[in-house]
Amino acid sequence: MDINKIIEISENAENKPNKDLISARDILIEEFEKTKDLIINLTKHLEGVEEMYDKVNNEIKKRIIN
């Protein structure tokens, strides 16, 4: 099912058959979980990058002061 069909179903859900609603729901659940996992992984990556940046930046500050 393509995104346009899912949008159509969601915009007119009260007039769609159960089969379409269930299919759209299953796809949306899957998409939600994928997106959530991506956000979690990107957040962990960002925190790691920030930690490394802070270490490097702090060392530079120490060297500039001395």
C-alpha atoms as a PDB file:
ATOM      1  CA  MET A   1       0.000   0.000   0.000  1.00  0.00           C
ATOM      2  CA  ASP A   2       1.444   3.384  -0.947  1.00  0.00           C
ATOM      3  CA  ILE A   3       1.472   6.529   1.152  1.00  0.00           C
ATOM      4  CA  ASN A   4      -1.286   8.189  -0.849  1.00  0.00           C
ATOM      5  CA  LYS A   5      -3.626   5.277  -0.136  1.00  0.00           C
ATOM      6  CA  ILE A   6      -2.821   5.460   3.588  1.00  0.00           C
ATOM      7  CA  ILE A   7      -3.507   9.201   3.585  1.00  0.00           C
ATOM      8  CA  GLU A   8      -6.787   8.647   1.753  1.00  0.00           C
ATOM      9  CA  ILE A   9      -7.829   5.988   4.267  1.00  0.00           C
ATOM     10  CA  SER A  10      -6.924   8.158   7.245  1.00  0.00           C
ATOM     11  CA  GLU A  11      -8.753  11.184   5.859  1.00  0.00           C
ATOM     12  CA  ASN A  12     -11.920   9.198   5.217  1.00  0.00           C
ATOM     13  CA  ALA A  13     -11.623   6.414   7.806  1.00  0.00           C
ATOM     14  CA  GLU A  14     -15.314   6.412   8.718  1.00  0.00           C
ATOM     15  CA  ASN A  15     -16.219   5.350   5.162  1.00  0.00           C
ATOM     16  CA  LYS A  16     -13.500   2.734   4.614  1.00  0.00           C
ATOM     17  CA  PRO A  17     -13.929  -1.019   5.040  1.00  0.00           C
ATOM     18  CA  ASN A  18     -12.324  -2.806   7.973  1.00  0.00           C
ATOM     19  CA  LYS A  19      -9.830  -4.511   5.656  1.00  0.00           C
ATOM     20  CA  ASP A  20      -8.420  -1.143   4.524  1.00  0.00           C
ATOM     21  CA  LEU A  21      -8.381   0.231   8.066  1.00  0.00           C
ATOM     22  CA  ILE A  22      -6.519  -2.783   9.410  1.00  0.00           C
ATOM     23  CA  SER A  23      -3.998  -2.736   6.558  1.00  0.00           C
ATOM     24  CA  ALA A  24      -3.337   0.971   7.017  1.00  0.00           C
ATOM     25  CA  ARG A  25      -3.060   0.554  10.792  1.00  0.00           C
ATOM     26  CA  ASP A  26      -0.555  -2.297  10.448  1.00  0.00           C
ATOM     27  CA  ILE A  27       1.607  -0.271   8.067  1.00  0.00           C
ATOM     28  CA  LEU A  28       1.422   2.786  10.331  1.00  0.00           C
ATOM     29  CA  ILE A  29       2.405   0.723  13.387  1.00  0.00           C
ATOM     30  CA  GLU A  30       5.404  -0.635  11.497  1.00  0.00           C
ATOM     31  CA  GLU A  31       6.375   2.841  10.297  1.00  0.00           C
ATOM     32  CA  PHE A  32       5.993   4.236  13.822  1.00  0.00           C
ATOM     33  CA  GLU A  33       8.283   1.558  15.270  1.00  0.00           C
ATOM     34  CA  LYS A  34      10.912   2.082  12.554  1.00  0.00           C
ATOM     35  CA  THR A  35      10.850   5.835  13.097  1.00  0.00           C
ATOM     36  CA  LYS A  36      11.065   5.448  16.872  1.00  0.00           C
ATOM     37  CA  ASP A  37      14.071   3.115  16.531  1.00  0.00           C
ATOM     38  CA  LEU A  38      15.782   5.560  14.175  1.00  0.00           C
ATOM     39  CA  ILE A  39      15.249   8.433  16.590  1.00  0.00           C
ATOM     40  CA  ILE A  40      16.620   6.397  19.494  1.00  0.00           C
ATOM     41  CA  ASN A  41      19.681   5.354  17.490  1.00  0.00           C
ATOM     42  CA  LEU A  42      20.295   8.892  16.250  1.00  0.00           C
ATOM     43  CA  THR A  43      19.952  10.227  19.791  1.00  0.00           C
ATOM     44  CA  LYS A  44      22.550   7.744  21.034  1.00  0.00           C
ATOM     45  CA  HIS A  45      24.831   8.693  18.147  1.00  0.00           C
ATOM     46  CA  LEU A  46      24.373  12.400  18.834  1.00  0.00           C
ATOM     47  CA  GLU A  47      25.181  11.902  22.525  1.00  0.00           C
ATOM     48  CA  GLY A  48      28.348  10.013  21.568  1.00  0.00           C
ATOM     49  CA  VAL A  49      29.422  12.748  19.179  1.00  0.00           C
ATOM     50  CA  GLU A  50      28.734  15.391  21.815  1.00  0.00           C
ATOM     51  CA  GLU A  51      30.781  13.489  24.388  1.00  0.00           C
ATOM     52  CA  MET A  52      33.760  13.194  22.021  1.00  0.00           C
ATOM     53  CA  TYR A  53      33.446  16.856  21.044  1.00  0.00           C
ATOM     54  CA  ASP A  54      33.444  17.897  24.699  1.00  0.00           C
ATOM     55  CA  LYS A  55      36.598  15.848  25.402  1.00  0.00           C
ATOM     56  CA  VAL A  56      38.438  17.300  22.423  1.00  0.00           C
ATOM     57  CA  ASN A  57      37.227  20.832  23.087  1.00  0.00           C
ATOM     58  CA  ASN A  58      38.164  20.652  26.774  1.00  0.00           C
ATOM     59  CA  GLU A  59      41.662  19.479  25.872  1.00  0.00           C
ATOM     60  CA  ILE A  60      42.037  22.377  23.448  1.00  0.00           C
ATOM     61  CA  LYS A  61      40.920  24.796  26.173  1.00  0.00           C
ATOM     62  CA  LYS A  62      43.510  23.348  28.579  1.00  0.00           C
ATOM     63  CA  ARG A  63      46.287  23.775  26.037  1.00  0.00           C
ATOM     64  CA  ILE A  64      45.306  27.313  25.130  1.00  0.00           C
ATOM     65  CA  ILE A  65      45.205  28.411  28.774  1.00  0.00           C
ATOM     66  CA  ASN A  66      48.634  26.898  29.513  1.00  0.00           C
END
